[in-house]
């Protein structure tokens, strides 16, 4: 539930009173920062996965000799 906005918590708990009580206890004396930006951890994980994929595929190789156009003369 931590990654859901408070407005969606009522779909998690079976009773609206339970939802209000849980949020009330959680945020009592709390400062809430609502950040509507892309997750840094997700971006880093995606970048790392892309880097691993590129490394695993290795450099492109060619079976042609230098200067070979593939046409017979």
N, C-alpha and C. Protein backbone atom coordinates (compact mmCIF):
# COMPACT_ATOMS: atom_id res chain seq x y z
N UNK A 1 0.81 -1.21 0.00
CA UNK A 1 0.00 0.00 0.00
C UNK A 1 0.85 1.26 0.00
N UNK A 2 2.11 1.16 0.38
CA UNK A 2 2.94 2.36 0.51
C UNK A 2 3.14 3.07 -0.82
N UNK A 3 3.06 2.35 -1.92
CA UNK A 3 3.26 3.00 -3.21
C UNK A 3 1.95 3.47 -3.84
N UNK A 4 0.87 3.41 -3.08
CA UNK A 4 -0.44 3.87 -3.55
C UNK A 4 -0.79 5.19 -2.87
N UNK A 5 -1.39 6.11 -3.59
CA UNK A 5 -1.85 7.34 -2.93
C UNK A 5 -2.95 7.02 -1.93
N UNK A 6 -3.07 7.84 -0.90
CA UNK A 6 -4.06 7.59 0.15
C UNK A 6 -5.47 7.44 -0.42
N UNK A 7 -5.78 8.13 -1.48
CA UNK A 7 -7.10 8.04 -2.09
C UNK A 7 -7.45 6.66 -2.61
N UNK A 8 -6.45 5.81 -2.83
CA UNK A 8 -6.69 4.46 -3.35
C UNK A 8 -6.64 3.39 -2.26
N UNK A 9 -6.36 3.79 -1.02
CA UNK A 9 -6.25 2.81 0.05
C UNK A 9 -7.58 2.16 0.39
N UNK A 10 -8.70 2.80 0.07
CA UNK A 10 -9.99 2.18 0.39
C UNK A 10 -10.23 0.91 -0.43
N UNK A 11 -9.49 0.72 -1.49
CA UNK A 11 -9.62 -0.53 -2.26
C UNK A 11 -8.78 -1.65 -1.63
N UNK A 12 -7.90 -1.31 -0.70
CA UNK A 12 -7.05 -2.30 -0.03
C UNK A 12 -7.75 -2.87 1.20
N UNK A 13 -8.34 -1.99 2.01
CA UNK A 13 -8.98 -2.41 3.25
C UNK A 13 -10.45 -2.70 3.00
N UNK A 14 -11.00 -3.70 3.71
CA UNK A 14 -12.40 -4.08 3.47
C UNK A 14 -13.42 -3.08 3.99
N UNK A 15 -13.01 -2.21 4.91
CA UNK A 15 -13.94 -1.28 5.53
C UNK A 15 -13.36 0.13 5.47
N UNK A 16 -14.18 1.10 5.11
CA UNK A 16 -13.72 2.49 5.00
C UNK A 16 -13.19 3.00 6.34
N UNK A 17 -13.81 2.59 7.46
CA UNK A 17 -13.35 3.02 8.78
C UNK A 17 -11.94 2.49 9.06
N UNK A 18 -11.66 1.28 8.61
CA UNK A 18 -10.31 0.72 8.78
C UNK A 18 -9.29 1.52 7.97
N UNK A 19 -9.68 1.93 6.79
CA UNK A 19 -8.80 2.73 5.95
C UNK A 19 -8.46 4.04 6.62
N UNK A 20 -9.47 4.73 7.12
CA UNK A 20 -9.26 6.02 7.79
C UNK A 20 -8.40 5.83 9.03
N UNK A 21 -8.65 4.78 9.81
CA UNK A 21 -7.86 4.53 11.02
C UNK A 21 -6.40 4.24 10.69
N UNK A 22 -6.17 3.44 9.66
CA UNK A 22 -4.79 3.11 9.28
C UNK A 22 -4.04 4.35 8.82
N UNK A 23 -4.67 5.16 7.98
CA UNK A 23 -4.02 6.38 7.50
C UNK A 23 -3.79 7.34 8.65
N UNK A 24 -4.78 7.48 9.55
CA UNK A 24 -4.65 8.37 10.69
C UNK A 24 -3.46 7.99 11.56
N UNK A 25 -3.30 6.72 11.85
CA UNK A 25 -2.18 6.28 12.69
C UNK A 25 -0.84 6.42 11.98
N UNK A 26 -0.85 6.24 10.70
CA UNK A 26 0.38 6.34 9.94
C UNK A 26 0.88 7.78 9.83
N UNK A 27 -0.02 8.70 9.60
CA UNK A 27 0.41 10.08 9.33
C UNK A 27 0.38 10.99 10.54
N UNK A 28 -0.02 10.47 11.71
CA UNK A 28 -0.04 11.29 12.92
C UNK A 28 1.37 11.82 13.19
N UNK A 29 1.52 13.11 13.28
CA UNK A 29 2.80 13.80 13.49
C UNK A 29 3.78 13.58 12.32
N UNK A 30 3.28 13.29 11.17
CA UNK A 30 4.15 13.05 10.01
C UNK A 30 4.12 14.25 9.07
N UNK A 31 5.17 14.37 8.31
CA UNK A 31 5.22 15.33 7.21
C UNK A 31 5.13 14.50 5.93
N UNK A 32 4.20 14.84 5.08
CA UNK A 32 3.97 14.05 3.87
C UNK A 32 4.50 14.82 2.67
N UNK A 33 5.37 14.18 1.92
CA UNK A 33 5.87 14.72 0.66
C UNK A 33 5.26 13.90 -0.46
N UNK A 34 4.46 14.52 -1.28
CA UNK A 34 3.90 13.81 -2.43
C UNK A 34 4.71 14.21 -3.65
N UNK A 35 5.40 13.24 -4.21
CA UNK A 35 6.29 13.51 -5.33
C UNK A 35 5.72 12.84 -6.57
N UNK A 36 5.42 13.63 -7.56
CA UNK A 36 4.87 13.11 -8.82
C UNK A 36 5.94 13.14 -9.90
N UNK A 37 6.99 12.35 -9.67
CA UNK A 37 8.10 12.27 -10.61
C UNK A 37 8.41 10.80 -10.88
N UNK A 38 9.19 10.55 -11.92
CA UNK A 38 9.61 9.18 -12.23
C UNK A 38 10.49 8.65 -11.11
N UNK A 39 10.33 7.40 -10.77
CA UNK A 39 11.11 6.77 -9.72
C UNK A 39 12.58 6.67 -10.14
N UNK A 40 13.47 7.17 -9.29
CA UNK A 40 14.90 7.09 -9.57
C UNK A 40 15.35 5.63 -9.55
N UNK A 41 14.85 4.84 -8.59
CA UNK A 41 15.24 3.43 -8.52
C UNK A 41 14.80 2.67 -9.76
N UNK A 42 13.59 2.96 -10.26
CA UNK A 42 13.11 2.28 -11.46
C UNK A 42 13.96 2.66 -12.67
N UNK A 43 14.25 3.96 -12.81
CA UNK A 43 15.06 4.42 -13.94
C UNK A 43 16.44 3.77 -13.91
N UNK A 44 17.05 3.71 -12.73
CA UNK A 44 18.37 3.09 -12.59
C UNK A 44 18.31 1.60 -12.95
N UNK A 45 17.27 0.91 -12.50
CA UNK A 45 17.13 -0.51 -12.80
C UNK A 45 16.96 -0.75 -14.30
N UNK A 46 16.17 0.08 -14.95
CA UNK A 46 15.97 -0.05 -16.40
C UNK A 46 17.27 0.21 -17.14
N UNK A 47 17.99 1.27 -16.74
CA UNK A 47 19.27 1.58 -17.37
C UNK A 47 20.27 0.44 -17.19
N UNK A 48 20.30 -0.14 -15.98
CA UNK A 48 21.22 -1.23 -15.69
C UNK A 48 20.87 -2.46 -16.53
N UNK A 49 19.58 -2.75 -16.66
CA UNK A 49 19.15 -3.90 -17.46
C UNK A 49 19.50 -3.70 -18.93
N UNK A 50 19.32 -2.50 -19.43
CA UNK A 50 19.67 -2.21 -20.83
C UNK A 50 21.18 -2.37 -21.04
N UNK A 51 21.96 -1.92 -20.09
CA UNK A 51 23.41 -2.03 -20.19
C UNK A 51 23.84 -3.49 -20.19
N UNK A 52 23.23 -4.29 -19.33
CA UNK A 52 23.56 -5.72 -19.28
C UNK A 52 23.18 -6.41 -20.58
N UNK A 53 22.03 -6.04 -21.14
CA UNK A 53 21.57 -6.64 -22.39
C UNK A 53 22.55 -6.31 -23.52
N UNK A 54 22.98 -5.05 -23.57
CA UNK A 54 23.92 -4.64 -24.62
C UNK A 54 25.26 -5.35 -24.45
N UNK A 55 25.71 -5.53 -23.22
CA UNK A 55 26.98 -6.21 -22.95
C UNK A 55 26.87 -7.69 -23.29
N UNK A 56 25.75 -8.31 -22.97
CA UNK A 56 25.57 -9.75 -23.22
C UNK A 56 25.53 -10.07 -24.71
N UNK A 57 24.98 -9.17 -25.51
CA UNK A 57 24.90 -9.44 -26.95
C UNK A 57 26.24 -9.27 -27.63
N UNK A 58 27.16 -8.55 -27.01
CA UNK A 58 28.50 -8.37 -27.55
C UNK A 58 28.52 -7.49 -28.77
N UNK A 59 29.71 -7.21 -29.27
CA UNK A 59 29.82 -6.37 -30.45
C UNK A 59 29.33 -7.11 -31.69
N UNK A 60 28.84 -6.38 -32.63
CA UNK A 60 28.38 -6.97 -33.89
C UNK A 60 29.58 -7.52 -34.65
N UNK A 61 29.41 -8.70 -35.23
CA UNK A 61 30.51 -9.29 -36.00
C UNK A 61 30.08 -9.45 -37.44
N UNK A 62 31.05 -9.42 -38.32
CA UNK A 62 30.77 -9.56 -39.75
C UNK A 62 31.65 -10.68 -40.28
N UNK A 63 31.10 -11.48 -41.16
CA UNK A 63 31.85 -12.58 -41.74
C UNK A 63 32.49 -12.19 -43.07
N UNK A 64 32.35 -10.96 -43.46
CA UNK A 64 32.92 -10.50 -44.73
C UNK A 64 34.34 -10.01 -44.50
N UNK A 65 35.15 -10.18 -45.52
CA UNK A 65 36.51 -9.66 -45.48
C UNK A 65 36.47 -8.16 -45.77
N UNK A 66 37.43 -7.41 -45.24
CA UNK A 66 37.45 -5.97 -45.55
C UNK A 66 37.55 -5.76 -47.06
N UNK A 67 36.76 -4.88 -47.59
CA UNK A 67 36.76 -4.59 -49.01
C UNK A 67 35.87 -5.52 -49.82
N UNK A 68 35.33 -6.55 -49.20
CA UNK A 68 34.46 -7.50 -49.89
C UNK A 68 33.08 -6.89 -50.01
N UNK A 69 32.57 -6.81 -51.24
CA UNK A 69 31.24 -6.24 -51.46
C UNK A 69 30.18 -7.32 -51.58
N UNK A 70 30.59 -8.58 -51.57
CA UNK A 70 29.65 -9.67 -51.71
C UNK A 70 29.33 -9.99 -53.16
N UNK A 71 29.91 -9.27 -54.12
CA UNK A 71 29.65 -9.51 -55.53
C UNK A 71 30.86 -10.19 -56.14
N UNK A 72 30.59 -11.13 -57.05
CA UNK A 72 31.70 -11.80 -57.73
C UNK A 72 32.14 -10.96 -58.91
N UNK A 73 33.43 -11.01 -59.21
CA UNK A 73 33.96 -10.24 -60.34
C UNK A 73 34.39 -11.14 -61.45
